[in-house]
Amino acid sequence: MHSLLISTGVVALAEMGDKTQLLAFILAARFKKPIPIVLGILAATIINHSLAGALGAWITSIVNPEMFRWVLGASFIGMAIWTLIPDKIEEEETQVANHLGVFGATFITFFLAEMGDKTQLATIALAAHYTTPFIVVVGTTLGMLIADIPAVFVGNQFSKKISMKLVHSIAAGIFAVMGVLTLFGIDKLL
């Protein structure tokens, strides 16, 4: 249960202001069909984060525990720094195959935008840390939905009322604490 809550919370915070949340705003404004957009986000996130969770589990099986602790700790600290860097969305990510329909366009753009994104990398690190990839994937998927569904339904009004800098600072702080605790071998507190 602990890994589910941490995974959900960390990704929900990290996703605020992320390029995929910006993509949700753009898709909602362009298509004005929230249900297929939400379903596209859900499908893309499940597949993307399942692959990331599997990679995290695989990494734990090939890296010795001492080396793993250092790599994982450094990864969390790297995520903390990356979370403080504002994202911008590339125009080509929004120009995907309108002939695929709202669901198809959302699925493809979200899946591609998540490749190598901080929430995908966070899923890899969290799955490796907690060694419960399925629970982590459920949590990170919930975190994505918590951040992106309001973006689909309320668009830019939502982002104007929340300080993205504060949200990113909180997420960065959580990642940094996880990294330091992991490096010092006291990550069982997480």
C-alpha atoms as a PDB file:
ATOM      1  CA  MET A   1       0.000   0.000   0.000  1.00  0.00           C
ATOM      2  CA  HIS A   2       2.893   2.317   0.813  1.00  0.00           C
ATOM      3  CA  SER A   3       4.411   1.922  -2.660  1.00  0.00           C
ATOM      4  CA  LEU A   4       1.014   2.693  -4.222  1.00  0.00           C
ATOM      5  CA  LEU A   5       0.601   5.925  -2.252  1.00  0.00           C
ATOM      6  CA  ILE A   6       4.164   7.146  -2.852  1.00  0.00           C
ATOM      7  CA  SER A   7       4.008   6.275  -6.569  1.00  0.00           C
ATOM      8  CA  THR A   8       0.662   8.015  -6.989  1.00  0.00           C
ATOM      9  CA  GLY A   9       1.659  11.135  -5.079  1.00  0.00           C
ATOM     10  CA  VAL A  10       5.106  11.597  -6.563  1.00  0.00           C
ATOM     11  CA  VAL A  11       3.936  11.178 -10.154  1.00  0.00           C
ATOM     12  CA  ALA A  12       0.847  13.369  -9.661  1.00  0.00           C
ATOM     13  CA  LEU A  13       3.094  16.153  -8.383  1.00  0.00           C
ATOM     14  CA  ALA A  14       5.790  15.592 -11.010  1.00  0.00           C
ATOM     15  CA  GLU A  15       3.168  15.632 -13.772  1.00  0.00           C
ATOM     16  CA  MET A  16       1.923  19.120 -12.850  1.00  0.00           C
ATOM     17  CA  GLY A  17       3.184  21.404 -15.604  1.00  0.00           C
ATOM     18  CA  ASP A  18       4.822  18.473 -17.396  1.00  0.00           C
ATOM     19  CA  LYS A  19       4.664  18.352 -21.187  1.00  0.00           C
ATOM     20  CA  THR A  20       2.062  15.588 -21.105  1.00  0.00           C
ATOM     21  CA  GLN A  21      -0.200  17.736 -18.925  1.00  0.00           C
ATOM     22  CA  LEU A  22       0.307  20.576 -21.405  1.00  0.00           C
ATOM     23  CA  LEU A  23      -0.544  18.097 -24.152  1.00  0.00           C
ATOM     24  CA  ALA A  24      -3.800  17.257 -22.318  1.00  0.00           C
ATOM     25  CA  PHE A  25      -4.674  20.991 -22.330  1.00  0.00           C
ATOM     26  CA  ILE A  26      -3.962  21.248 -26.059  1.00  0.00           C
ATOM     27  CA  LEU A  27      -5.891  18.097 -26.993  1.00  0.00           C
ATOM     28  CA  ALA A  28      -8.885  19.226 -24.916  1.00  0.00           C
ATOM     29  CA  ALA A  29      -8.861  22.627 -26.601  1.00  0.00           C
ATOM     30  CA  ARG A  30      -8.459  21.141 -30.080  1.00  0.00           C
ATOM     31  CA  PHE A  31     -10.940  18.249 -29.938  1.00  0.00           C
ATOM     32  CA  LYS A  32     -13.387  19.269 -27.170  1.00  0.00           C
ATOM     33  CA  LYS A  33     -14.178  15.578 -26.534  1.00  0.00           C
ATOM     34  CA  PRO A  34     -12.960  14.785 -23.015  1.00  0.00           C
ATOM     35  CA  ILE A  35     -13.960  11.099 -22.722  1.00  0.00           C
ATOM     36  CA  PRO A  36     -11.905   9.764 -25.677  1.00  0.00           C
ATOM     37  CA  ILE A  37      -9.017  12.001 -24.570  1.00  0.00           C
ATOM     38  CA  VAL A  38      -9.101  10.578 -21.027  1.00  0.00           C
ATOM     39  CA  LEU A  39      -9.345   7.016 -22.382  1.00  0.00           C
ATOM     40  CA  GLY A  40      -6.397   7.670 -24.723  1.00  0.00           C
ATOM     41  CA  ILE A  41      -4.340   9.029 -21.819  1.00  0.00           C
ATOM     42  CA  LEU A  42      -5.251   5.994 -19.696  1.00  0.00           C
ATOM     43  CA  ALA A  43      -4.378   3.444 -22.404  1.00  0.00           C
ATOM     44  CA  ALA A  44      -1.084   5.147 -23.313  1.00  0.00           C
ATOM     45  CA  THR A  45      -0.079   5.491 -19.666  1.00  0.00           C
ATOM     46  CA  ILE A  46      -0.882   1.881 -18.787  1.00  0.00           C
ATOM     47  CA  ILE A  47       1.223   0.545 -21.656  1.00  0.00           C
ATOM     48  CA  ASN A  48       4.071   3.036 -21.224  1.00  0.00           C
ATOM     49  CA  HIS A  49       4.309   2.668 -17.455  1.00  0.00           C
ATOM     50  CA  SER A  50       3.932  -1.136 -17.638  1.00  0.00           C
ATOM     51  CA  LEU A  51       7.009  -1.237 -19.848  1.00  0.00           C
ATOM     52  CA  ALA A  52       8.800   1.102 -17.423  1.00  0.00           C
ATOM     53  CA  GLY A  53       7.779  -1.010 -14.415  1.00  0.00           C
ATOM     54  CA  ALA A  54       9.025  -4.175 -16.137  1.00  0.00           C
ATOM     55  CA  LEU A  55      12.332  -2.444 -16.879  1.00  0.00           C
ATOM     56  CA  GLY A  56      12.636  -1.380 -13.231  1.00  0.00           C
ATOM     57  CA  ALA A  57      12.025  -4.952 -12.079  1.00  0.00           C
ATOM     58  CA  TRP A  58      14.536  -6.311 -14.607  1.00  0.00           C
ATOM     59  CA  ILE A  59      17.195  -3.843 -13.459  1.00  0.00           C
ATOM     60  CA  THR A  60      16.918  -5.104  -9.878  1.00  0.00           C
ATOM     61  CA  SER A  61      17.590  -8.637 -11.098  1.00  0.00           C
ATOM     62  CA  ILE A  62      20.869  -7.801 -12.869  1.00  0.00           C
ATOM     63  CA  VAL A  63      22.507  -5.158 -10.674  1.00  0.00           C
ATOM     64  CA  ASN A  64      24.131  -6.135  -7.384  1.00  0.00           C
ATOM     65  CA  PRO A  65      22.460  -4.567  -4.309  1.00  0.00           C
ATOM     66  CA  GLU A  66      25.332  -2.217  -3.377  1.00  0.00           C
ATOM     67  CA  MET A  67      25.698  -0.806  -6.907  1.00  0.00           C
ATOM     68  CA  PHE A  68      21.915  -0.692  -7.221  1.00  0.00           C
ATOM     69  CA  ARG A  69      21.624   1.484  -4.098  1.00  0.00           C
ATOM     70  CA  TRP A  70      23.991   4.079  -5.569  1.00  0.00           C
ATOM     71  CA  VAL A  71      22.386   4.073  -9.021  1.00  0.00           C
ATOM     72  CA  LEU A  72      18.887   4.325  -7.569  1.00  0.00           C
ATOM     73  CA  GLY A  73      19.868   7.079  -5.110  1.00  0.00           C
ATOM     74  CA  ALA A  74      21.509   9.085  -7.871  1.00  0.00           C
ATOM     75  CA  SER A  75      18.459   8.519 -10.089  1.00  0.00           C
ATOM     76  CA  PHE A  76      16.117   9.953  -7.473  1.00  0.00           C
ATOM     77  CA  ILE A  77      18.369  12.987  -6.991  1.00  0.00           C
ATOM     78  CA  GLY A  78      18.523  13.430 -10.777  1.00  0.00           C
ATOM     79  CA  MET A  79      14.711  13.282 -10.878  1.00  0.00           C
ATOM     80  CA  ALA A  80      14.604  15.994  -8.195  1.00  0.00           C
ATOM     81  CA  ILE A  81      16.757  18.293 -10.324  1.00  0.00           C
ATOM     82  CA  TRP A  82      14.879  17.485 -13.531  1.00  0.00           C
ATOM     83  CA  THR A  83      11.526  18.196 -11.850  1.00  0.00           C
ATOM     84  CA  LEU A  84      12.651  21.782 -11.231  1.00  0.00           C
ATOM     85  CA  ILE A  85      13.276  22.365 -14.952  1.00  0.00           C
ATOM     86  CA  PRO A  86      10.090  23.571 -16.704  1.00  0.00           C
ATOM     87  CA  ASP A  87       8.849  21.478 -19.619  1.00  0.00           C
ATOM     88  CA  LYS A  88       7.749  22.781 -22.970  1.00  0.00           C
ATOM     89  CA  ILE A  89       5.809  20.863 -25.517  1.00  0.00           C
ATOM     90  CA  GLU A  90       7.087  20.434 -29.045  1.00  0.00           C
ATOM     91  CA  GLU A  91       4.626  21.410 -31.759  1.00  0.00           C
ATOM     92  CA  GLU A  92       5.101  18.130 -33.657  1.00  0.00           C
ATOM     93  CA  GLU A  93       3.796  16.243 -30.607  1.00  0.00           C
ATOM     94  CA  THR A  94       0.436  17.931 -31.138  1.00  0.00           C
ATOM     95  CA  GLN A  95       0.348  17.369 -34.927  1.00  0.00           C
ATOM     96  CA  VAL A  96      -0.307  13.639 -34.947  1.00  0.00           C
ATOM     97  CA  ALA A  97      -2.634  11.939 -37.392  1.00  0.00           C
ATOM     98  CA  ASN A  98      -6.028  13.571 -37.030  1.00  0.00           C
ATOM     99  CA  HIS A  99      -7.399  10.735 -39.187  1.00  0.00           C
ATOM    100  CA  LEU A 100      -6.917   8.393 -36.209  1.00  0.00           C
ATOM    101  CA  GLY A 101      -9.716  10.113 -34.306  1.00  0.00           C
ATOM    102  CA  VAL A 102      -9.583  11.698 -30.878  1.00  0.00           C
ATOM    103  CA  PHE A 103      -8.713   8.484 -29.009  1.00  0.00           C
ATOM    104  CA  GLY A 104      -6.042   7.458 -31.527  1.00  0.00           C
ATOM    105  CA  ALA A 105      -4.440  10.892 -31.678  1.00  0.00           C
ATOM    106  CA  THR A 106      -4.420  11.121 -27.869  1.00  0.00           C
ATOM    107  CA  PHE A 107      -3.038   7.596 -27.440  1.00  0.00           C
ATOM    108  CA  ILE A 108      -0.184   8.082 -29.913  1.00  0.00           C
ATOM    109  CA  THR A 109       0.804  11.574 -28.795  1.00  0.00           C
ATOM    110  CA  PHE A 110       0.712  10.639 -25.101  1.00  0.00           C
ATOM    111  CA  PHE A 111       2.612   7.412 -25.599  1.00  0.00           C
ATOM    112  CA  LEU A 112       5.340   9.156 -27.595  1.00  0.00           C
ATOM    113  CA  ALA A 113       5.495  12.165 -25.261  1.00  0.00           C
ATOM    114  CA  GLU A 114       5.965   9.848 -22.262  1.00  0.00           C
ATOM    115  CA  MET A 115       8.936   8.040 -23.830  1.00  0.00           C
ATOM    116  CA  GLY A 116      11.940   9.136 -21.783  1.00  0.00           C
ATOM    117  CA  ASP A 117       9.815  11.612 -19.817  1.00  0.00           C
ATOM    118  CA  LYS A 118      10.472  12.155 -16.119  1.00  0.00           C
ATOM    119  CA  THR A 119       7.310  10.295 -15.065  1.00  0.00           C
ATOM    120  CA  GLN A 120       8.360   7.257 -17.116  1.00  0.00           C
ATOM    121  CA  LEU A 121      11.827   7.357 -15.572  1.00  0.00           C
ATOM    122  CA  ALA A 122      10.263   7.825 -12.136  1.00  0.00           C
ATOM    123  CA  THR A 123       8.195   4.684 -12.776  1.00  0.00           C
ATOM    124  CA  ILE A 124      11.364   2.740 -13.596  1.00  0.00           C
ATOM    125  CA  ALA A 125      13.088   3.988 -10.424  1.00  0.00           C
ATOM    126  CA  LEU A 126      10.046   3.431  -8.189  1.00  0.00           C
ATOM    127  CA  ALA A 127       9.476  -0.089  -9.564  1.00  0.00           C
ATOM    128  CA  ALA A 128      13.120  -0.902  -8.907  1.00  0.00           C
ATOM    129  CA  HIS A 129      12.998   0.649  -5.434  1.00  0.00           C
ATOM    130  CA  TYR A 130       9.825  -1.038  -4.213  1.00  0.00           C
ATOM    131  CA  THR A 131      10.226  -4.322  -6.126  1.00  0.00           C
ATOM    132  CA  THR A 132       6.449  -4.303  -6.652  1.00  0.00           C
ATOM    133  CA  PRO A 133       6.220  -3.170 -10.265  1.00  0.00           C
ATOM    134  CA  PHE A 134       2.504  -3.879 -10.671  1.00  0.00           C
ATOM    135  CA  ILE A 135       1.558  -1.765  -7.632  1.00  0.00           C
ATOM    136  CA  VAL A 136       3.950   0.988  -8.731  1.00  0.00           C
ATOM    137  CA  VAL A 137       2.461   1.021 -12.250  1.00  0.00           C
ATOM    138  CA  VAL A 138      -1.049   1.271 -10.779  1.00  0.00           C
ATOM    139  CA  GLY A 139       0.163   4.152  -8.596  1.00  0.00           C
ATOM    140  CA  THR A 140       2.006   6.025 -11.343  1.00  0.00           C
ATOM    141  CA  THR A 141      -0.963   5.594 -13.684  1.00  0.00           C
ATOM    142  CA  LEU A 142      -3.280   6.996 -10.999  1.00  0.00           C
ATOM    143  CA  GLY A 143      -0.853   9.876 -10.506  1.00  0.00           C
ATOM    144  CA  MET A 144      -0.932  10.668 -14.234  1.00  0.00           C
ATOM    145  CA  LEU A 145      -4.725  10.606 -14.233  1.00  0.00           C
ATOM    146  CA  ILE A 146      -4.953  12.792 -11.122  1.00  0.00           C
ATOM    147  CA  ALA A 147      -2.859  15.432 -12.872  1.00  0.00           C
ATOM    148  CA  ASP A 148      -4.153  15.078 -16.426  1.00  0.00           C
ATOM    149  CA  ILE A 149      -7.912  14.525 -16.099  1.00  0.00           C
ATOM    150  CA  PRO A 150      -8.499  17.968 -14.548  1.00  0.00           C
ATOM    151  CA  ALA A 151      -6.369  19.407 -17.370  1.00  0.00           C
ATOM    152  CA  VAL A 152      -8.731  17.826 -19.894  1.00  0.00           C
ATOM    153  CA  PHE A 153     -11.888  19.076 -18.200  1.00  0.00           C
ATOM    154  CA  VAL A 154     -10.877  22.507 -16.926  1.00  0.00           C
ATOM    155  CA  GLY A 155      -7.939  23.315 -19.137  1.00  0.00           C
ATOM    156  CA  ASN A 156      -5.930  26.425 -18.574  1.00  0.00           C
ATOM    157  CA  GLN A 157      -8.128  27.700 -15.725  1.00  0.00           C
ATOM    158  CA  PHE A 158      -6.762  24.887 -13.555  1.00  0.00           C
ATOM    159  CA  SER A 159      -3.140  25.742 -14.217  1.00  0.00           C
ATOM    160  CA  LYS A 160      -3.650  29.436 -13.443  1.00  0.00           C
ATOM    161  CA  LYS A 161      -4.872  28.694  -9.909  1.00  0.00           C
ATOM    162  CA  ILE A 162      -1.996  26.433  -8.876  1.00  0.00           C
ATOM    163  CA  SER A 163       1.588  27.539  -8.404  1.00  0.00           C
ATOM    164  CA  MET A 164       3.498  25.159 -10.660  1.00  0.00           C
ATOM    165  CA  LYS A 165       6.750  26.299  -9.078  1.00  0.00           C
ATOM    166  CA  LEU A 166       5.498  25.238  -5.631  1.00  0.00           C
ATOM    167  CA  VAL A 167       4.185  21.915  -6.925  1.00  0.00           C
ATOM    168  CA  HIS A 168       7.482  21.195  -8.728  1.00  0.00           C
ATOM    169  CA  SER A 169       9.432  22.155  -5.598  1.00  0.00           C
ATOM    170  CA  ILE A 170       7.420  19.722  -3.463  1.00  0.00           C
ATOM    171  CA  ALA A 171       7.877  16.902  -6.006  1.00  0.00           C
ATOM    172  CA  ALA A 172      11.599  17.684  -6.274  1.00  0.00           C
ATOM    173  CA  GLY A 173      11.873  17.628  -2.483  1.00  0.00           C
ATOM    174  CA  ILE A 174      10.244  14.193  -2.308  1.00  0.00           C
ATOM    175  CA  PHE A 175      12.587  12.823  -4.990  1.00  0.00           C
ATOM    176  CA  ALA A 176      15.610  14.372  -3.231  1.00  0.00           C
ATOM    177  CA  VAL A 177      14.651  12.863   0.145  1.00  0.00           C
ATOM    178  CA  MET A 178      14.142   9.466  -1.496  1.00  0.00           C
ATOM    179  CA  GLY A 179      17.559   9.777  -3.162  1.00  0.00           C
ATOM    180  CA  VAL A 180      19.407  10.764   0.015  1.00  0.00           C
ATOM    181  CA  LEU A 181      17.717   8.060   2.090  1.00  0.00           C
ATOM    182  CA  THR A 182      18.571   5.492  -0.585  1.00  0.00           C
ATOM    183  CA  LEU A 183      22.213   6.604  -0.787  1.00  0.00           C
ATOM    184  CA  PHE A 184      22.595   6.340   2.985  1.00  0.00           C
ATOM    185  CA  GLY A 185      20.920   2.947   3.051  1.00  0.00           C
ATOM    186  CA  ILE A 186      17.982   4.088   5.183  1.00  0.00           C
ATOM    187  CA  ASP A 187      15.461   3.929   2.355  1.00  0.00           C
ATOM    188  CA  LYS A 188      13.356   1.390   4.246  1.00  0.00           C
ATOM    189  CA  LEU A 189      11.675   4.468   5.789  1.00  0.00           C
ATOM    190  CA  LEU A 190      10.060   4.992   2.418  1.00  0.00           C
END
